Amino acid sequence: MTDLKRVVVYFTEEEKKELEFISGALSQSMSSLVGEMVRETMPQLKAVAQAITLAKTNPDDAIKMIRSLGYDAHSNLIEEMKKLDK
């Protein structure tokens, strides 16, 4: 038994076909693939939601937060690219 909770998600026919292709290529079920994608992007999605919430009360701080998120994402990308060069 799993502790994971079920959520129903709707996709267009084209999106479903793309997910079927990707999950087949990775030998994963579509639900595992989608769950993994959501779990991996949750920190970024949460940070964006926090910035949007902050923007409602303090736009200047929200802009600083978004800039910081962009800088962090860029830095992480550069580090991952350096690993590929080794």
PDB file of N, CA and C in Angstrom:
ATOM      1  N   MET A   1       0.842  -1.188   0.000  1.00  0.00           N
ATOM      2  CA  MET A   1       0.000   0.000   0.000  1.00  0.00           C
ATOM      3  C   MET A   1       0.884   1.249   0.000  1.00  0.00           C
ATOM      4  N   THR A   2       0.387   2.318  -0.536  1.00  0.00           N
ATOM      5  CA  THR A   2       1.178   3.547  -0.644  1.00  0.00           C
ATOM      6  C   THR A   2       0.554   4.668   0.181  1.00  0.00           C
ATOM      7  N   ASP A   3       1.392   5.586   0.595  1.00  0.00           N
ATOM      8  CA  ASP A   3       0.915   6.771   1.316  1.00  0.00           C
ATOM      9  C   ASP A   3       0.575   7.898   0.354  1.00  0.00           C
ATOM     10  N   LEU A   4       0.818   7.686  -0.931  1.00  0.00           N
ATOM     11  CA  LEU A   4       0.538   8.722  -1.917  1.00  0.00           C
ATOM     12  C   LEU A   4      -0.962   8.876  -2.114  1.00  0.00           C
ATOM     13  N   LYS A   5      -1.404  10.085  -2.315  1.00  0.00           N
ATOM     14  CA  LYS A   5      -2.821  10.382  -2.504  1.00  0.00           C
ATOM     15  C   LYS A   5      -3.129  10.513  -3.985  1.00  0.00           C
ATOM     16  N   ARG A   6      -4.326  10.120  -4.353  1.00  0.00           N
ATOM     17  CA  ARG A   6      -4.752  10.159  -5.751  1.00  0.00           C
ATOM     18  C   ARG A   6      -5.384  11.510  -6.070  1.00  0.00           C
ATOM     19  N   VAL A   7      -5.031  12.030  -7.254  1.00  0.00           N
ATOM     20  CA  VAL A   7      -5.603  13.264  -7.766  1.00  0.00           C
ATOM     21  C   VAL A   7      -5.971  13.020  -9.224  1.00  0.00           C
ATOM     22  N   VAL A   8      -7.124  13.489  -9.641  1.00  0.00           N
ATOM     23  CA  VAL A   8      -7.538  13.349 -11.034  1.00  0.00           C
ATOM     24  C   VAL A   8      -7.060  14.576 -11.792  1.00  0.00           C
ATOM     25  N   VAL A   9      -6.385  14.338 -12.917  1.00  0.00           N
ATOM     26  CA  VAL A   9      -5.850  15.414 -13.751  1.00  0.00           C
ATOM     27  C   VAL A   9      -6.344  15.187 -15.167  1.00  0.00           C
ATOM     28  N   TYR A  10      -6.770  16.252 -15.822  1.00  0.00           N
ATOM     29  CA  TYR A  10      -7.285  16.156 -17.186  1.00  0.00           C
ATOM     30  C   TYR A  10      -6.266  16.702 -18.183  1.00  0.00           C
ATOM     31  N   PHE A  11      -6.126  15.997 -19.318  1.00  0.00           N
ATOM     32  CA  PHE A  11      -5.225  16.403 -20.383  1.00  0.00           C
ATOM     33  C   PHE A  11      -5.972  16.371 -21.706  1.00  0.00           C
ATOM     34  N   THR A  12      -5.490  17.174 -22.653  1.00  0.00           N
ATOM     35  CA  THR A  12      -6.031  17.086 -24.003  1.00  0.00           C
ATOM     36  C   THR A  12      -5.567  15.761 -24.605  1.00  0.00           C
ATOM     37  N   GLU A  13      -6.165  15.365 -25.713  1.00  0.00           N
ATOM     38  CA  GLU A  13      -5.761  14.127 -26.380  1.00  0.00           C
ATOM     39  C   GLU A  13      -4.295  14.196 -26.805  1.00  0.00           C
ATOM     40  N   GLU A  14      -3.871  15.348 -27.310  1.00  0.00           N
ATOM     41  CA  GLU A  14      -2.472  15.518 -27.726  1.00  0.00           C
ATOM     42  C   GLU A  14      -1.525  15.396 -26.537  1.00  0.00           C
ATOM     43  N   GLU A  15      -1.865  16.034 -25.420  1.00  0.00           N
ATOM     44  CA  GLU A  15      -1.029  15.944 -24.224  1.00  0.00           C
ATOM     45  C   GLU A  15      -0.950  14.503 -23.723  1.00  0.00           C
ATOM     46  N   LYS A  16      -2.070  13.809 -23.774  1.00  0.00           N
ATOM     47  CA  LYS A  16      -2.099  12.412 -23.340  1.00  0.00           C
ATOM     48  C   LYS A  16      -1.182  11.557 -24.215  1.00  0.00           C
ATOM     49  N   LYS A  17      -1.232  11.770 -25.514  1.00  0.00           N
ATOM     50  CA  LYS A  17      -0.360  11.024 -26.427  1.00  0.00           C
ATOM     51  C   LYS A  17       1.115  11.322 -26.135  1.00  0.00           C
ATOM     52  N   GLU A  18       1.418  12.572 -25.854  1.00  0.00           N
ATOM     53  CA  GLU A  18       2.800  12.937 -25.534  1.00  0.00           C
ATOM     54  C   GLU A  18       3.254  12.263 -24.242  1.00  0.00           C
ATOM     55  N   LEU A  19       2.365  12.246 -23.243  1.00  0.00           N
ATOM     56  CA  LEU A  19       2.695  11.579 -21.983  1.00  0.00           C
ATOM     57  C   LEU A  19       2.877  10.076 -22.187  1.00  0.00           C
ATOM     58  N   GLU A  20       2.047   9.479 -23.029  1.00  0.00           N
ATOM     59  CA  GLU A  20       2.187   8.051 -23.330  1.00  0.00           C
ATOM     60  C   GLU A  20       3.543   7.782 -23.985  1.00  0.00           C
ATOM     61  N   PHE A  21       3.935   8.636 -24.914  1.00  0.00           N
ATOM     62  CA  PHE A  21       5.229   8.477 -25.586  1.00  0.00           C
ATOM     63  C   PHE A  21       6.377   8.592 -24.587  1.00  0.00           C
ATOM     64  N   ILE A  22       6.333   9.635 -23.765  1.00  0.00           N
ATOM     65  CA  ILE A  22       7.416   9.868 -22.795  1.00  0.00           C
ATOM     66  C   ILE A  22       7.468   8.735 -21.775  1.00  0.00           C
ATOM     67  N   SER A  23       6.321   8.361 -21.228  1.00  0.00           N
ATOM     68  CA  SER A  23       6.312   7.303 -20.218  1.00  0.00           C
ATOM     69  C   SER A  23       6.773   5.979 -20.818  1.00  0.00           C
ATOM     70  N   GLY A  24       6.404   5.708 -22.071  1.00  0.00           N
ATOM     71  CA  GLY A  24       6.874   4.497 -22.733  1.00  0.00           C
ATOM     72  C   GLY A  24       8.377   4.513 -22.931  1.00  0.00           C
ATOM     73  N   ALA A  25       8.897   5.641 -23.356  1.00  0.00           N
ATOM     74  CA  ALA A  25      10.340   5.769 -23.577  1.00  0.00           C
ATOM     75  C   ALA A  25      11.123   5.590 -22.277  1.00  0.00           C
ATOM     76  N   LEU A  26      10.522   6.012 -21.175  1.00  0.00           N
ATOM     77  CA  LEU A  26      11.190   5.915 -19.866  1.00  0.00           C
ATOM     78  C   LEU A  26      10.800   4.651 -19.106  1.00  0.00           C
ATOM     79  N   SER A  27       9.946   3.827 -19.710  1.00  0.00           N
ATOM     80  CA  SER A  27       9.456   2.601 -19.071  1.00  0.00           C
ATOM     81  C   SER A  27       8.818   2.879 -17.715  1.00  0.00           C
ATOM     82  N   GLN A  28       7.993   3.916 -17.679  1.00  0.00           N
ATOM     83  CA  GLN A  28       7.262   4.290 -16.471  1.00  0.00           C
ATOM     84  C   GLN A  28       5.784   4.372 -16.803  1.00  0.00           C
ATOM     85  N   SER A  29       4.946   4.176 -15.805  1.00  0.00           N
ATOM     86  CA  SER A  29       3.524   4.419 -16.014  1.00  0.00           C
ATOM     87  C   SER A  29       3.310   5.920 -16.132  1.00  0.00           C
ATOM     88  N   MET A  30       2.218   6.311 -16.772  1.00  0.00           N
ATOM     89  CA  MET A  30       1.934   7.748 -16.902  1.00  0.00           C
ATOM     90  C   MET A  30       1.733   8.368 -15.525  1.00  0.00           C
ATOM     91  N   SER A  31       1.067   7.666 -14.618  1.00  0.00           N
ATOM     92  CA  SER A  31       0.840   8.239 -13.291  1.00  0.00           C
ATOM     93  C   SER A  31       2.159   8.434 -12.550  1.00  0.00           C
ATOM     94  N   SER A  32       3.093   7.498 -12.696  1.00  0.00           N
ATOM     95  CA  SER A  32       4.406   7.661 -12.063  1.00  0.00           C
ATOM     96  C   SER A  32       5.157   8.841 -12.662  1.00  0.00           C
ATOM     97  N   LEU A  33       5.085   8.957 -13.978  1.00  0.00           N
ATOM     98  CA  LEU A  33       5.757  10.049 -14.666  1.00  0.00           C
ATOM     99  C   LEU A  33       5.215  11.407 -14.217  1.00  0.00           C
ATOM    100  N   VAL A  34       3.904  11.548 -14.250  1.00  0.00           N
ATOM    101  CA  VAL A  34       3.288  12.827 -13.869  1.00  0.00           C
ATOM    102  C   VAL A  34       3.554  13.125 -12.392  1.00  0.00           C
ATOM    103  N   GLY A  35       3.425  12.115 -11.543  1.00  0.00           N
ATOM    104  CA  GLY A  35       3.699  12.313 -10.117  1.00  0.00           C
ATOM    105  C   GLY A  35       5.125  12.766  -9.874  1.00  0.00           C
ATOM    106  N   GLU A  36       6.073  12.132 -10.572  1.00  0.00           N
ATOM    107  CA  GLU A  36       7.475  12.502 -10.427  1.00  0.00           C
ATOM    108  C   GLU A  36       7.725  13.933 -10.904  1.00  0.00           C
ATOM    109  N   MET A  37       7.107  14.299 -12.033  1.00  0.00           N
ATOM    110  CA  MET A  37       7.285  15.666 -12.544  1.00  0.00           C
ATOM    111  C   MET A  37       6.752  16.691 -11.549  1.00  0.00           C
ATOM    112  N   VAL A  38       5.600  16.416 -10.966  1.00  0.00           N
ATOM    113  CA  VAL A  38       5.015  17.353 -10.001  1.00  0.00           C
ATOM    114  C   VAL A  38       5.898  17.433  -8.760  1.00  0.00           C
ATOM    115  N   ARG A  39       6.318  16.285  -8.237  1.00  0.00           N
ATOM    116  CA  ARG A  39       7.164  16.295  -7.035  1.00  0.00           C
ATOM    117  C   ARG A  39       8.479  17.037  -7.281  1.00  0.00           C
ATOM    118  N   GLU A  40       9.077  16.847  -8.463  1.00  0.00           N
ATOM    119  CA  GLU A  40      10.357  17.498  -8.760  1.00  0.00           C
ATOM    120  C   GLU A  40      10.219  19.009  -8.946  1.00  0.00           C
ATOM    121  N   THR A  41       9.079  19.464  -9.422  1.00  0.00           N
ATOM    122  CA  THR A  41       8.904  20.898  -9.660  1.00  0.00           C
ATOM    123  C   THR A  41       8.183  21.610  -8.515  1.00  0.00           C
ATOM    124  N   MET A  42       7.765  20.860  -7.505  1.00  0.00           N
ATOM    125  CA  MET A  42       7.018  21.453  -6.394  1.00  0.00           C
ATOM    126  C   MET A  42       7.754  22.622  -5.729  1.00  0.00           C
ATOM    127  N   PRO A  43       9.057  22.532  -5.459  1.00  0.00           N
ATOM    128  CA  PRO A  43       9.728  23.687  -4.834  1.00  0.00           C
ATOM    129  C   PRO A  43       9.637  24.956  -5.688  1.00  0.00           C
ATOM    130  N   GLN A  44       9.801  24.818  -7.014  1.00  0.00           N
ATOM    131  CA  GLN A  44       9.719  25.985  -7.891  1.00  0.00           C
ATOM    132  C   GLN A  44       8.288  26.519  -7.953  1.00  0.00           C
ATOM    133  N   LEU A  45       7.311  25.624  -8.042  1.00  0.00           N
ATOM    134  CA  LEU A  45       5.911  26.052  -8.078  1.00  0.00           C
ATOM    135  C   LEU A  45       5.520  26.747  -6.782  1.00  0.00           C
ATOM    136  N   LYS A  46       5.999  26.211  -5.664  1.00  0.00           N
ATOM    137  CA  LYS A  46       5.708  26.827  -4.362  1.00  0.00           C
ATOM    138  C   LYS A  46       6.334  28.216  -4.276  1.00  0.00           C
ATOM    139  N   ALA A  47       7.559  28.351  -4.760  1.00  0.00           N
ATOM    140  CA  ALA A  47       8.230  29.655  -4.727  1.00  0.00           C
ATOM    141  C   ALA A  47       7.498  30.678  -5.583  1.00  0.00           C
ATOM    142  N   VAL A  48       7.014  30.268  -6.746  1.00  0.00           N
ATOM    143  CA  VAL A  48       6.243  31.172  -7.605  1.00  0.00           C
ATOM    144  C   VAL A  48       4.949  31.576  -6.906  1.00  0.00           C
ATOM    145  N   ALA A  49       4.280  30.621  -6.275  1.00  0.00           N
ATOM    146  CA  ALA A  49       3.048  30.934  -5.546  1.00  0.00           C
ATOM    147  C   ALA A  49       3.313  31.909  -4.404  1.00  0.00           C
ATOM    148  N   GLN A  50       4.437  31.731  -3.717  1.00  0.00           N
ATOM    149  CA  GLN A  50       4.796  32.660  -2.635  1.00  0.00           C
ATOM    150  C   GLN A  50       5.065  34.053  -3.187  1.00  0.00           C
ATOM    151  N   ALA A  51       5.723  34.138  -4.332  1.00  0.00           N
ATOM    152  CA  ALA A  51       5.999  35.438  -4.946  1.00  0.00           C
ATOM    153  C   ALA A  51       4.702  36.118  -5.370  1.00  0.00           C
ATOM    154  N   ILE A  52       3.776  35.360  -5.923  1.00  0.00           N
ATOM    155  CA  ILE A  52       2.479  35.926  -6.325  1.00  0.00           C
ATOM    156  C   ILE A  52       1.717  36.427  -5.104  1.00  0.00           C
ATOM    157  N   THR A  53       1.738  35.644  -4.040  1.00  0.00           N
ATOM    158  CA  THR A  53       1.065  36.050  -2.798  1.00  0.00           C
ATOM    159  C   THR A  53       1.705  37.315  -2.242  1.00  0.00           C
ATOM    160  N   LEU A  54       3.032  37.364  -2.253  1.00  0.00           N
ATOM    161  CA  LEU A  54       3.754  38.537  -1.764  1.00  0.00           C
ATOM    162  C   LEU A  54       3.461  39.768  -2.618  1.00  0.00           C
ATOM    163  N   ALA A  55       3.323  39.581  -3.916  1.00  0.00           N
ATOM    164  CA  ALA A  55       3.076  40.699  -4.829  1.00  0.00           C
ATOM    165  C   ALA A  55       1.775  41.425  -4.506  1.00  0.00           C
ATOM    166  N   LYS A  56       0.842  40.722  -3.920  1.00  0.00           N
ATOM    167  CA  LYS A  56      -0.445  41.341  -3.574  1.00  0.00           C
ATOM    168  C   LYS A  56      -0.301  42.373  -2.464  1.00  0.00           C
ATOM    169  N   THR A  57       0.695  42.187  -1.602  1.00  0.00           N
ATOM    170  CA  THR A  57       0.869  43.118  -0.480  1.00  0.00           C
ATOM    171  C   THR A  57       2.141  43.939  -0.564  1.00  0.00           C
ATOM    172  N   ASN A  58       3.166  43.399  -1.262  1.00  0.00           N
ATOM    173  CA  ASN A  58       4.443  44.086  -1.329  1.00  0.00           C
ATOM    174  C   ASN A  58       5.124  43.807  -2.678  1.00  0.00           C
ATOM    175  N   PRO A  59       4.694  44.518  -3.707  1.00  0.00           N
ATOM    176  CA  PRO A  59       5.228  44.266  -5.059  1.00  0.00           C
ATOM    177  C   PRO A  59       6.746  44.389  -5.169  1.00  0.00           C
ATOM    178  N   ASP A  60       7.343  45.331  -4.462  1.00  0.00           N
ATOM    179  CA  ASP A  60       8.798  45.511  -4.555  1.00  0.00           C
ATOM    180  C   ASP A  60       9.543  44.283  -4.035  1.00  0.00           C
ATOM    181  N   ASP A  61       9.093  43.750  -2.911  1.00  0.00           N
ATOM    182  CA  ASP A  61       9.729  42.545  -2.377  1.00  0.00           C
ATOM    183  C   ASP A  61       9.478  41.346  -3.286  1.00  0.00           C
ATOM    184  N   ALA A  62       8.321  41.308  -3.911  1.00  0.00           N
ATOM    185  CA  ALA A  62       8.012  40.212  -4.833  1.00  0.00           C
ATOM    186  C   ALA A  62       8.954  40.239  -6.029  1.00  0.00           C
ATOM    187  N   ILE A  63       9.237  41.422  -6.538  1.00  0.00           N
ATOM    188  CA  ILE A  63      10.170  41.554  -7.667  1.00  0.00           C
ATOM    189  C   ILE A  63      11.555  41.069  -7.255  1.00  0.00           C
ATOM    190  N   LYS A  64      11.993  41.431  -6.055  1.00  0.00           N
ATOM    191  CA  LYS A  64      13.293  40.967  -5.558  1.00  0.00           C
ATOM    192  C   LYS A  64      13.303  39.441  -5.449  1.00  0.00           C
ATOM    193  N   MET A  65      12.210  38.892  -4.964  1.00  0.00           N
ATOM    194  CA  MET A  65      12.109  37.447  -4.808  1.00  0.00           C
ATOM    195  C   MET A  65      12.176  36.748  -6.168  1.00  0.00           C
ATOM    196  N   ILE A  66      11.461  37.274  -7.142  1.00  0.00           N
ATOM    197  CA  ILE A  66      11.454  36.687  -8.480  1.00  0.00           C
ATOM    198  C   ILE A  66      12.842  36.776  -9.110  1.00  0.00           C
ATOM    199  N   ARG A  67      13.514  37.890  -8.938  1.00  0.00           N
ATOM    200  CA  ARG A  67      14.881  38.029  -9.456  1.00  0.00           C
ATOM    201  C   ARG A  67      15.801  37.001  -8.812  1.00  0.00           C
ATOM    202  N   SER A  68      15.648  36.823  -7.508  1.00  0.00           N
ATOM    203  CA  SER A  68      16.462  35.853  -6.792  1.00  0.00           C
ATOM    204  C   SER A  68      16.188  34.436  -7.287  1.00  0.00           C
ATOM    205  N   LEU A  69      14.914  34.119  -7.536  1.00  0.00           N
ATOM    206  CA  LEU A  69      14.548  32.801  -8.060  1.00  0.00           C
ATOM    207  C   LEU A  69      15.184  32.581  -9.434  1.00  0.00           C
ATOM    208  N   GLY A  70      15.151  33.614 -10.263  1.00  0.00           N
ATOM    209  CA  GLY A  70      15.753  33.518 -11.586  1.00  0.00           C
ATOM    210  C   GLY A  70      17.255  33.324 -11.505  1.00  0.00           C
ATOM    211  N   TYR A  71      17.893  34.060 -10.614  1.00  0.00           N
ATOM    212  CA  TYR A  71      19.337  33.916 -10.439  1.00  0.00           C
ATOM    213  C   TYR A  71      19.683  32.506  -9.965  1.00  0.00           C
ATOM    214  N   ASP A  72      18.928  32.007  -8.982  1.00  0.00           N
ATOM    215  CA  ASP A  72      19.171  30.659  -8.457  1.00  0.00           C
ATOM    216  C   ASP A  72      18.993  29.603  -9.548  1.00  0.00           C
ATOM    217  N   ALA A  73      17.934  29.744 -10.340  1.00  0.00           N
ATOM    218  CA  ALA A  73      17.679  28.777 -11.413  1.00  0.00           C
ATOM    219  C   ALA A  73      18.815  28.808 -12.433  1.00  0.00           C
ATOM    220  N   HIS A  74      19.265  30.001 -12.776  1.00  0.00           N
ATOM    221  CA  HIS A  74      20.377  30.142 -13.729  1.00  0.00           C
ATOM    222  C   HIS A  74      21.642  29.508 -13.164  1.00  0.00           C
ATOM    223  N   SER A  75      21.933  29.768 -11.910  1.00  0.00           N
ATOM    224  CA  SER A  75      23.129  29.203 -11.278  1.00  0.00           C
ATOM    225  C   SER A  75      23.062  27.680 -11.251  1.00  0.00           C
ATOM    226  N   ASN A  76      21.894  27.137 -10.922  1.00  0.00           N
ATOM    227  CA  ASN A  76      21.729  25.675 -10.896  1.00  0.00           C
ATOM    228  C   ASN A  76      21.925  25.080 -12.280  1.00  0.00           C
ATOM    229  N   LEU A  77      21.400  25.742 -13.294  1.00  0.00           N
ATOM    230  CA  LEU A  77      21.552  25.265 -14.663  1.00  0.00           C
ATOM    231  C   LEU A  77      23.020  25.244 -15.070  1.00  0.00           C
ATOM    232  N   ILE A  78      23.738  26.290 -14.749  1.00  0.00           N
ATOM    233  CA  ILE A  78      25.173  26.361 -15.074  1.00  0.00           C
ATOM    234  C   ILE A  78      25.928  25.226 -14.374  1.00  0.00           C
ATOM    235  N   GLU A  79      25.607  24.970 -13.116  1.00  0.00           N
ATOM    236  CA  GLU A  79      26.275  23.887 -12.383  1.00  0.00           C
ATOM    237  C   GLU A  79      25.984  22.529 -13.014  1.00  0.00           C
ATOM    238  N   GLU A  80      24.747  22.305 -13.416  1.00  0.00           N
ATOM    239  CA  GLU A  80      24.400  21.035 -14.051  1.00  0.00           C
ATOM    240  C   GLU A  80      25.094  20.886 -15.409  1.00  0.00           C
ATOM    241  N   MET A  81      25.217  21.988 -16.141  1.00  0.00           N
ATOM    242  CA  MET A  81      25.906  21.941 -17.427  1.00  0.00           C
ATOM    243  C   MET A  81      27.390  21.639 -17.239  1.00  0.00           C
ATOM    244  N   LYS A  82      27.998  22.160 -16.184  1.00  0.00           N
ATOM    245  CA  LYS A  82      29.403  21.887 -15.904  1.00  0.00           C
ATOM    246  C   LYS A  82      29.609  20.406 -15.625  1.00  0.00           C
ATOM    247  N   LYS A  83      28.639  19.778 -14.951  1.00  0.00           N
ATOM    248  CA  LYS A  83      28.744  18.341 -14.674  1.00  0.00           C
ATOM    249  C   LYS A  83      28.746  17.534 -15.970  1.00  0.00           C
ATOM    250  N   LEU A  84      28.012  17.993 -16.961  1.00  0.00           N
ATOM    251  CA  LEU A  84      27.952  17.287 -18.242  1.00  0.00           C
ATOM    252  C   LEU A  84      29.272  17.382 -19.002  1.00  0.00           C
ATOM    253  N   ASP A  85      30.037  18.435 -18.770  1.00  0.00           N
ATOM    254  CA  ASP A  85      31.302  18.633 -19.460  1.00  0.00           C
ATOM    255  C   ASP A  85      32.418  17.757 -18.923  1.00  0.00           C
ATOM    256  N   LYS A  86      32.215  17.157 -17.760  1.00  0.00           N
ATOM    257  CA  LYS A  86      33.282  16.348 -17.130  1.00  0.00           C
ATOM    258  C   LYS A  86      33.411  15.006 -17.781  1.00  0.00           C
TER     259      LYS A  86
END
